[in-house]
Amino acid sequence: MRAGIEGTINQALDITGIRRARYRGLPRVRLQHAFSATALNVVRLDAYWTGHDQHRTRGSRLERLAYRLTA
């Protein structure tokens, strides 16, 4: 469960750069986070509709070597 949350946070950091708030004051920061979440959802919807897989898992070097040898 934690891996899914960590992936979402990492994606939000990469796409929207929410590590630092652009504005001062809680209402503006809340609005910024709402827009960032909306942008993240739009990116995910676009990936879903176009068929790009966002949930790629990492493979070890041994797995990639075994795949190349069998292909």
C-alpha atoms as a PDB file:
ATOM      1  CA  MET A   1       0.000   0.000   0.000  1.00  0.00           C
ATOM      2  CA  ARG A   2       2.804   2.397   0.841  1.00  0.00           C
ATOM      3  CA  ALA A   3       4.477   1.838  -2.541  1.00  0.00           C
ATOM      4  CA  GLY A   4       1.374   3.187  -4.297  1.00  0.00           C
ATOM      5  CA  ILE A   5       1.328   6.300  -2.160  1.00  0.00           C
ATOM      6  CA  GLU A   6       5.062   6.867  -2.611  1.00  0.00           C
ATOM      7  CA  GLY A   7       4.654   6.537  -6.370  1.00  0.00           C
ATOM      8  CA  THR A   8       1.834   9.074  -6.392  1.00  0.00           C
ATOM      9  CA  ILE A   9       3.829  11.552  -4.335  1.00  0.00           C
ATOM     10  CA  ASN A  10       6.859  11.080  -6.580  1.00  0.00           C
ATOM     11  CA  GLN A  11       4.755  11.610  -9.689  1.00  0.00           C
ATOM     12  CA  ALA A  12       3.251  14.770  -8.199  1.00  0.00           C
ATOM     13  CA  LEU A  13       6.724  16.080  -7.404  1.00  0.00           C
ATOM     14  CA  ASP A  14       7.975  15.328 -10.899  1.00  0.00           C
ATOM     15  CA  ILE A  15       4.996  16.743 -12.777  1.00  0.00           C
ATOM     16  CA  THR A  16       3.891  19.716 -10.711  1.00  0.00           C
ATOM     17  CA  GLY A  17       6.829  20.482  -8.432  1.00  0.00           C
ATOM     18  CA  ILE A  18       4.765  20.760  -5.255  1.00  0.00           C
ATOM     19  CA  ARG A  19       7.751  20.429  -2.966  1.00  0.00           C
ATOM     20  CA  ARG A  20       7.684  24.189  -2.402  1.00  0.00           C
ATOM     21  CA  ALA A  21       4.597  26.361  -2.358  1.00  0.00           C
ATOM     22  CA  ARG A  22       4.517  29.183  -4.840  1.00  0.00           C
ATOM     23  CA  TYR A  23       2.236  31.347  -2.747  1.00  0.00           C
ATOM     24  CA  ARG A  24       1.963  32.500   0.837  1.00  0.00           C
ATOM     25  CA  GLY A  25      -1.065  31.801   2.949  1.00  0.00           C
ATOM     26  CA  LEU A  26      -2.994  28.620   3.543  1.00  0.00           C
ATOM     27  CA  PRO A  27      -5.941  29.334   1.196  1.00  0.00           C
ATOM     28  CA  ARG A  28      -3.639  29.951  -1.760  1.00  0.00           C
ATOM     29  CA  VAL A  29      -1.494  26.922  -0.991  1.00  0.00           C
ATOM     30  CA  ARG A  30      -4.627  24.767  -0.758  1.00  0.00           C
ATOM     31  CA  LEU A  31      -5.720  26.065  -4.153  1.00  0.00           C
ATOM     32  CA  GLN A  32      -2.283  25.306  -5.592  1.00  0.00           C
ATOM     33  CA  HIS A  33      -2.468  21.740  -4.293  1.00  0.00           C
ATOM     34  CA  ALA A  34      -5.971  21.321  -5.693  1.00  0.00           C
ATOM     35  CA  PHE A  35      -4.765  22.451  -9.127  1.00  0.00           C
ATOM     36  CA  SER A  36      -1.737  20.169  -8.850  1.00  0.00           C
ATOM     37  CA  ALA A  37      -3.958  17.191  -8.035  1.00  0.00           C
ATOM     38  CA  THR A  38      -6.217  18.063 -10.957  1.00  0.00           C
ATOM     39  CA  ALA A  39      -3.220  18.255 -13.299  1.00  0.00           C
ATOM     40  CA  LEU A  40      -1.985  14.882 -12.064  1.00  0.00           C
ATOM     41  CA  ASN A  41      -5.408  13.337 -12.697  1.00  0.00           C
ATOM     42  CA  VAL A  42      -5.522  14.819 -16.208  1.00  0.00           C
ATOM     43  CA  VAL A  43      -2.086  13.358 -16.977  1.00  0.00           C
ATOM     44  CA  ARG A  44      -3.227   9.967 -15.720  1.00  0.00           C
ATOM     45  CA  LEU A  45      -6.456  10.137 -17.727  1.00  0.00           C
ATOM     46  CA  ASP A  46      -4.508  11.011 -20.853  1.00  0.00           C
ATOM     47  CA  ALA A  47      -2.176   8.053 -20.281  1.00  0.00           C
ATOM     48  CA  TYR A  48      -5.171   5.771 -19.765  1.00  0.00           C
ATOM     49  CA  TRP A  49      -6.985   6.979 -22.878  1.00  0.00           C
ATOM     50  CA  THR A  50      -3.919   6.769 -25.120  1.00  0.00           C
ATOM     51  CA  GLY A  51      -2.897   3.371 -23.772  1.00  0.00           C
ATOM     52  CA  HIS A  52       0.424   4.350 -22.213  1.00  0.00           C
ATOM     53  CA  ASP A  53       1.132   2.216 -19.191  1.00  0.00           C
ATOM     54  CA  GLN A  54       1.973   4.264 -16.114  1.00  0.00           C
ATOM     55  CA  HIS A  55       2.439   1.244 -13.851  1.00  0.00           C
ATOM     56  CA  ARG A  56       5.715  -0.129 -15.084  1.00  0.00           C
ATOM     57  CA  THR A  57       7.586  -2.198 -12.580  1.00  0.00           C
ATOM     58  CA  ARG A  58      11.317  -2.261 -12.438  1.00  0.00           C
ATOM     59  CA  GLY A  59      13.100  -5.419 -13.400  1.00  0.00           C
ATOM     60  CA  SER A  60      16.465  -6.590 -12.262  1.00  0.00           C
ATOM     61  CA  ARG A  61      19.412  -6.827 -14.612  1.00  0.00           C
ATOM     62  CA  LEU A  62      19.207 -10.602 -14.377  1.00  0.00           C
ATOM     63  CA  GLU A  63      15.567 -10.540 -15.544  1.00  0.00           C
ATOM     64  CA  ARG A  64      16.448  -8.327 -18.509  1.00  0.00           C
ATOM     65  CA  LEU A  65      19.360 -10.575 -19.436  1.00  0.00           C
ATOM     66  CA  ALA A  66      17.168 -13.678 -19.224  1.00  0.00           C
ATOM     67  CA  TYR A  67      14.559 -11.955 -21.398  1.00  0.00           C
ATOM     68  CA  ARG A  68      17.178 -11.064 -24.034  1.00  0.00           C
ATOM     69  CA  LEU A  69      18.565 -14.584 -24.033  1.00  0.00           C
ATOM     70  CA  THR A  70      15.149 -16.169 -24.561  1.00  0.00           C
ATOM     71  CA  ALA A  71      14.123 -13.750 -27.314  1.00  0.00           C
END
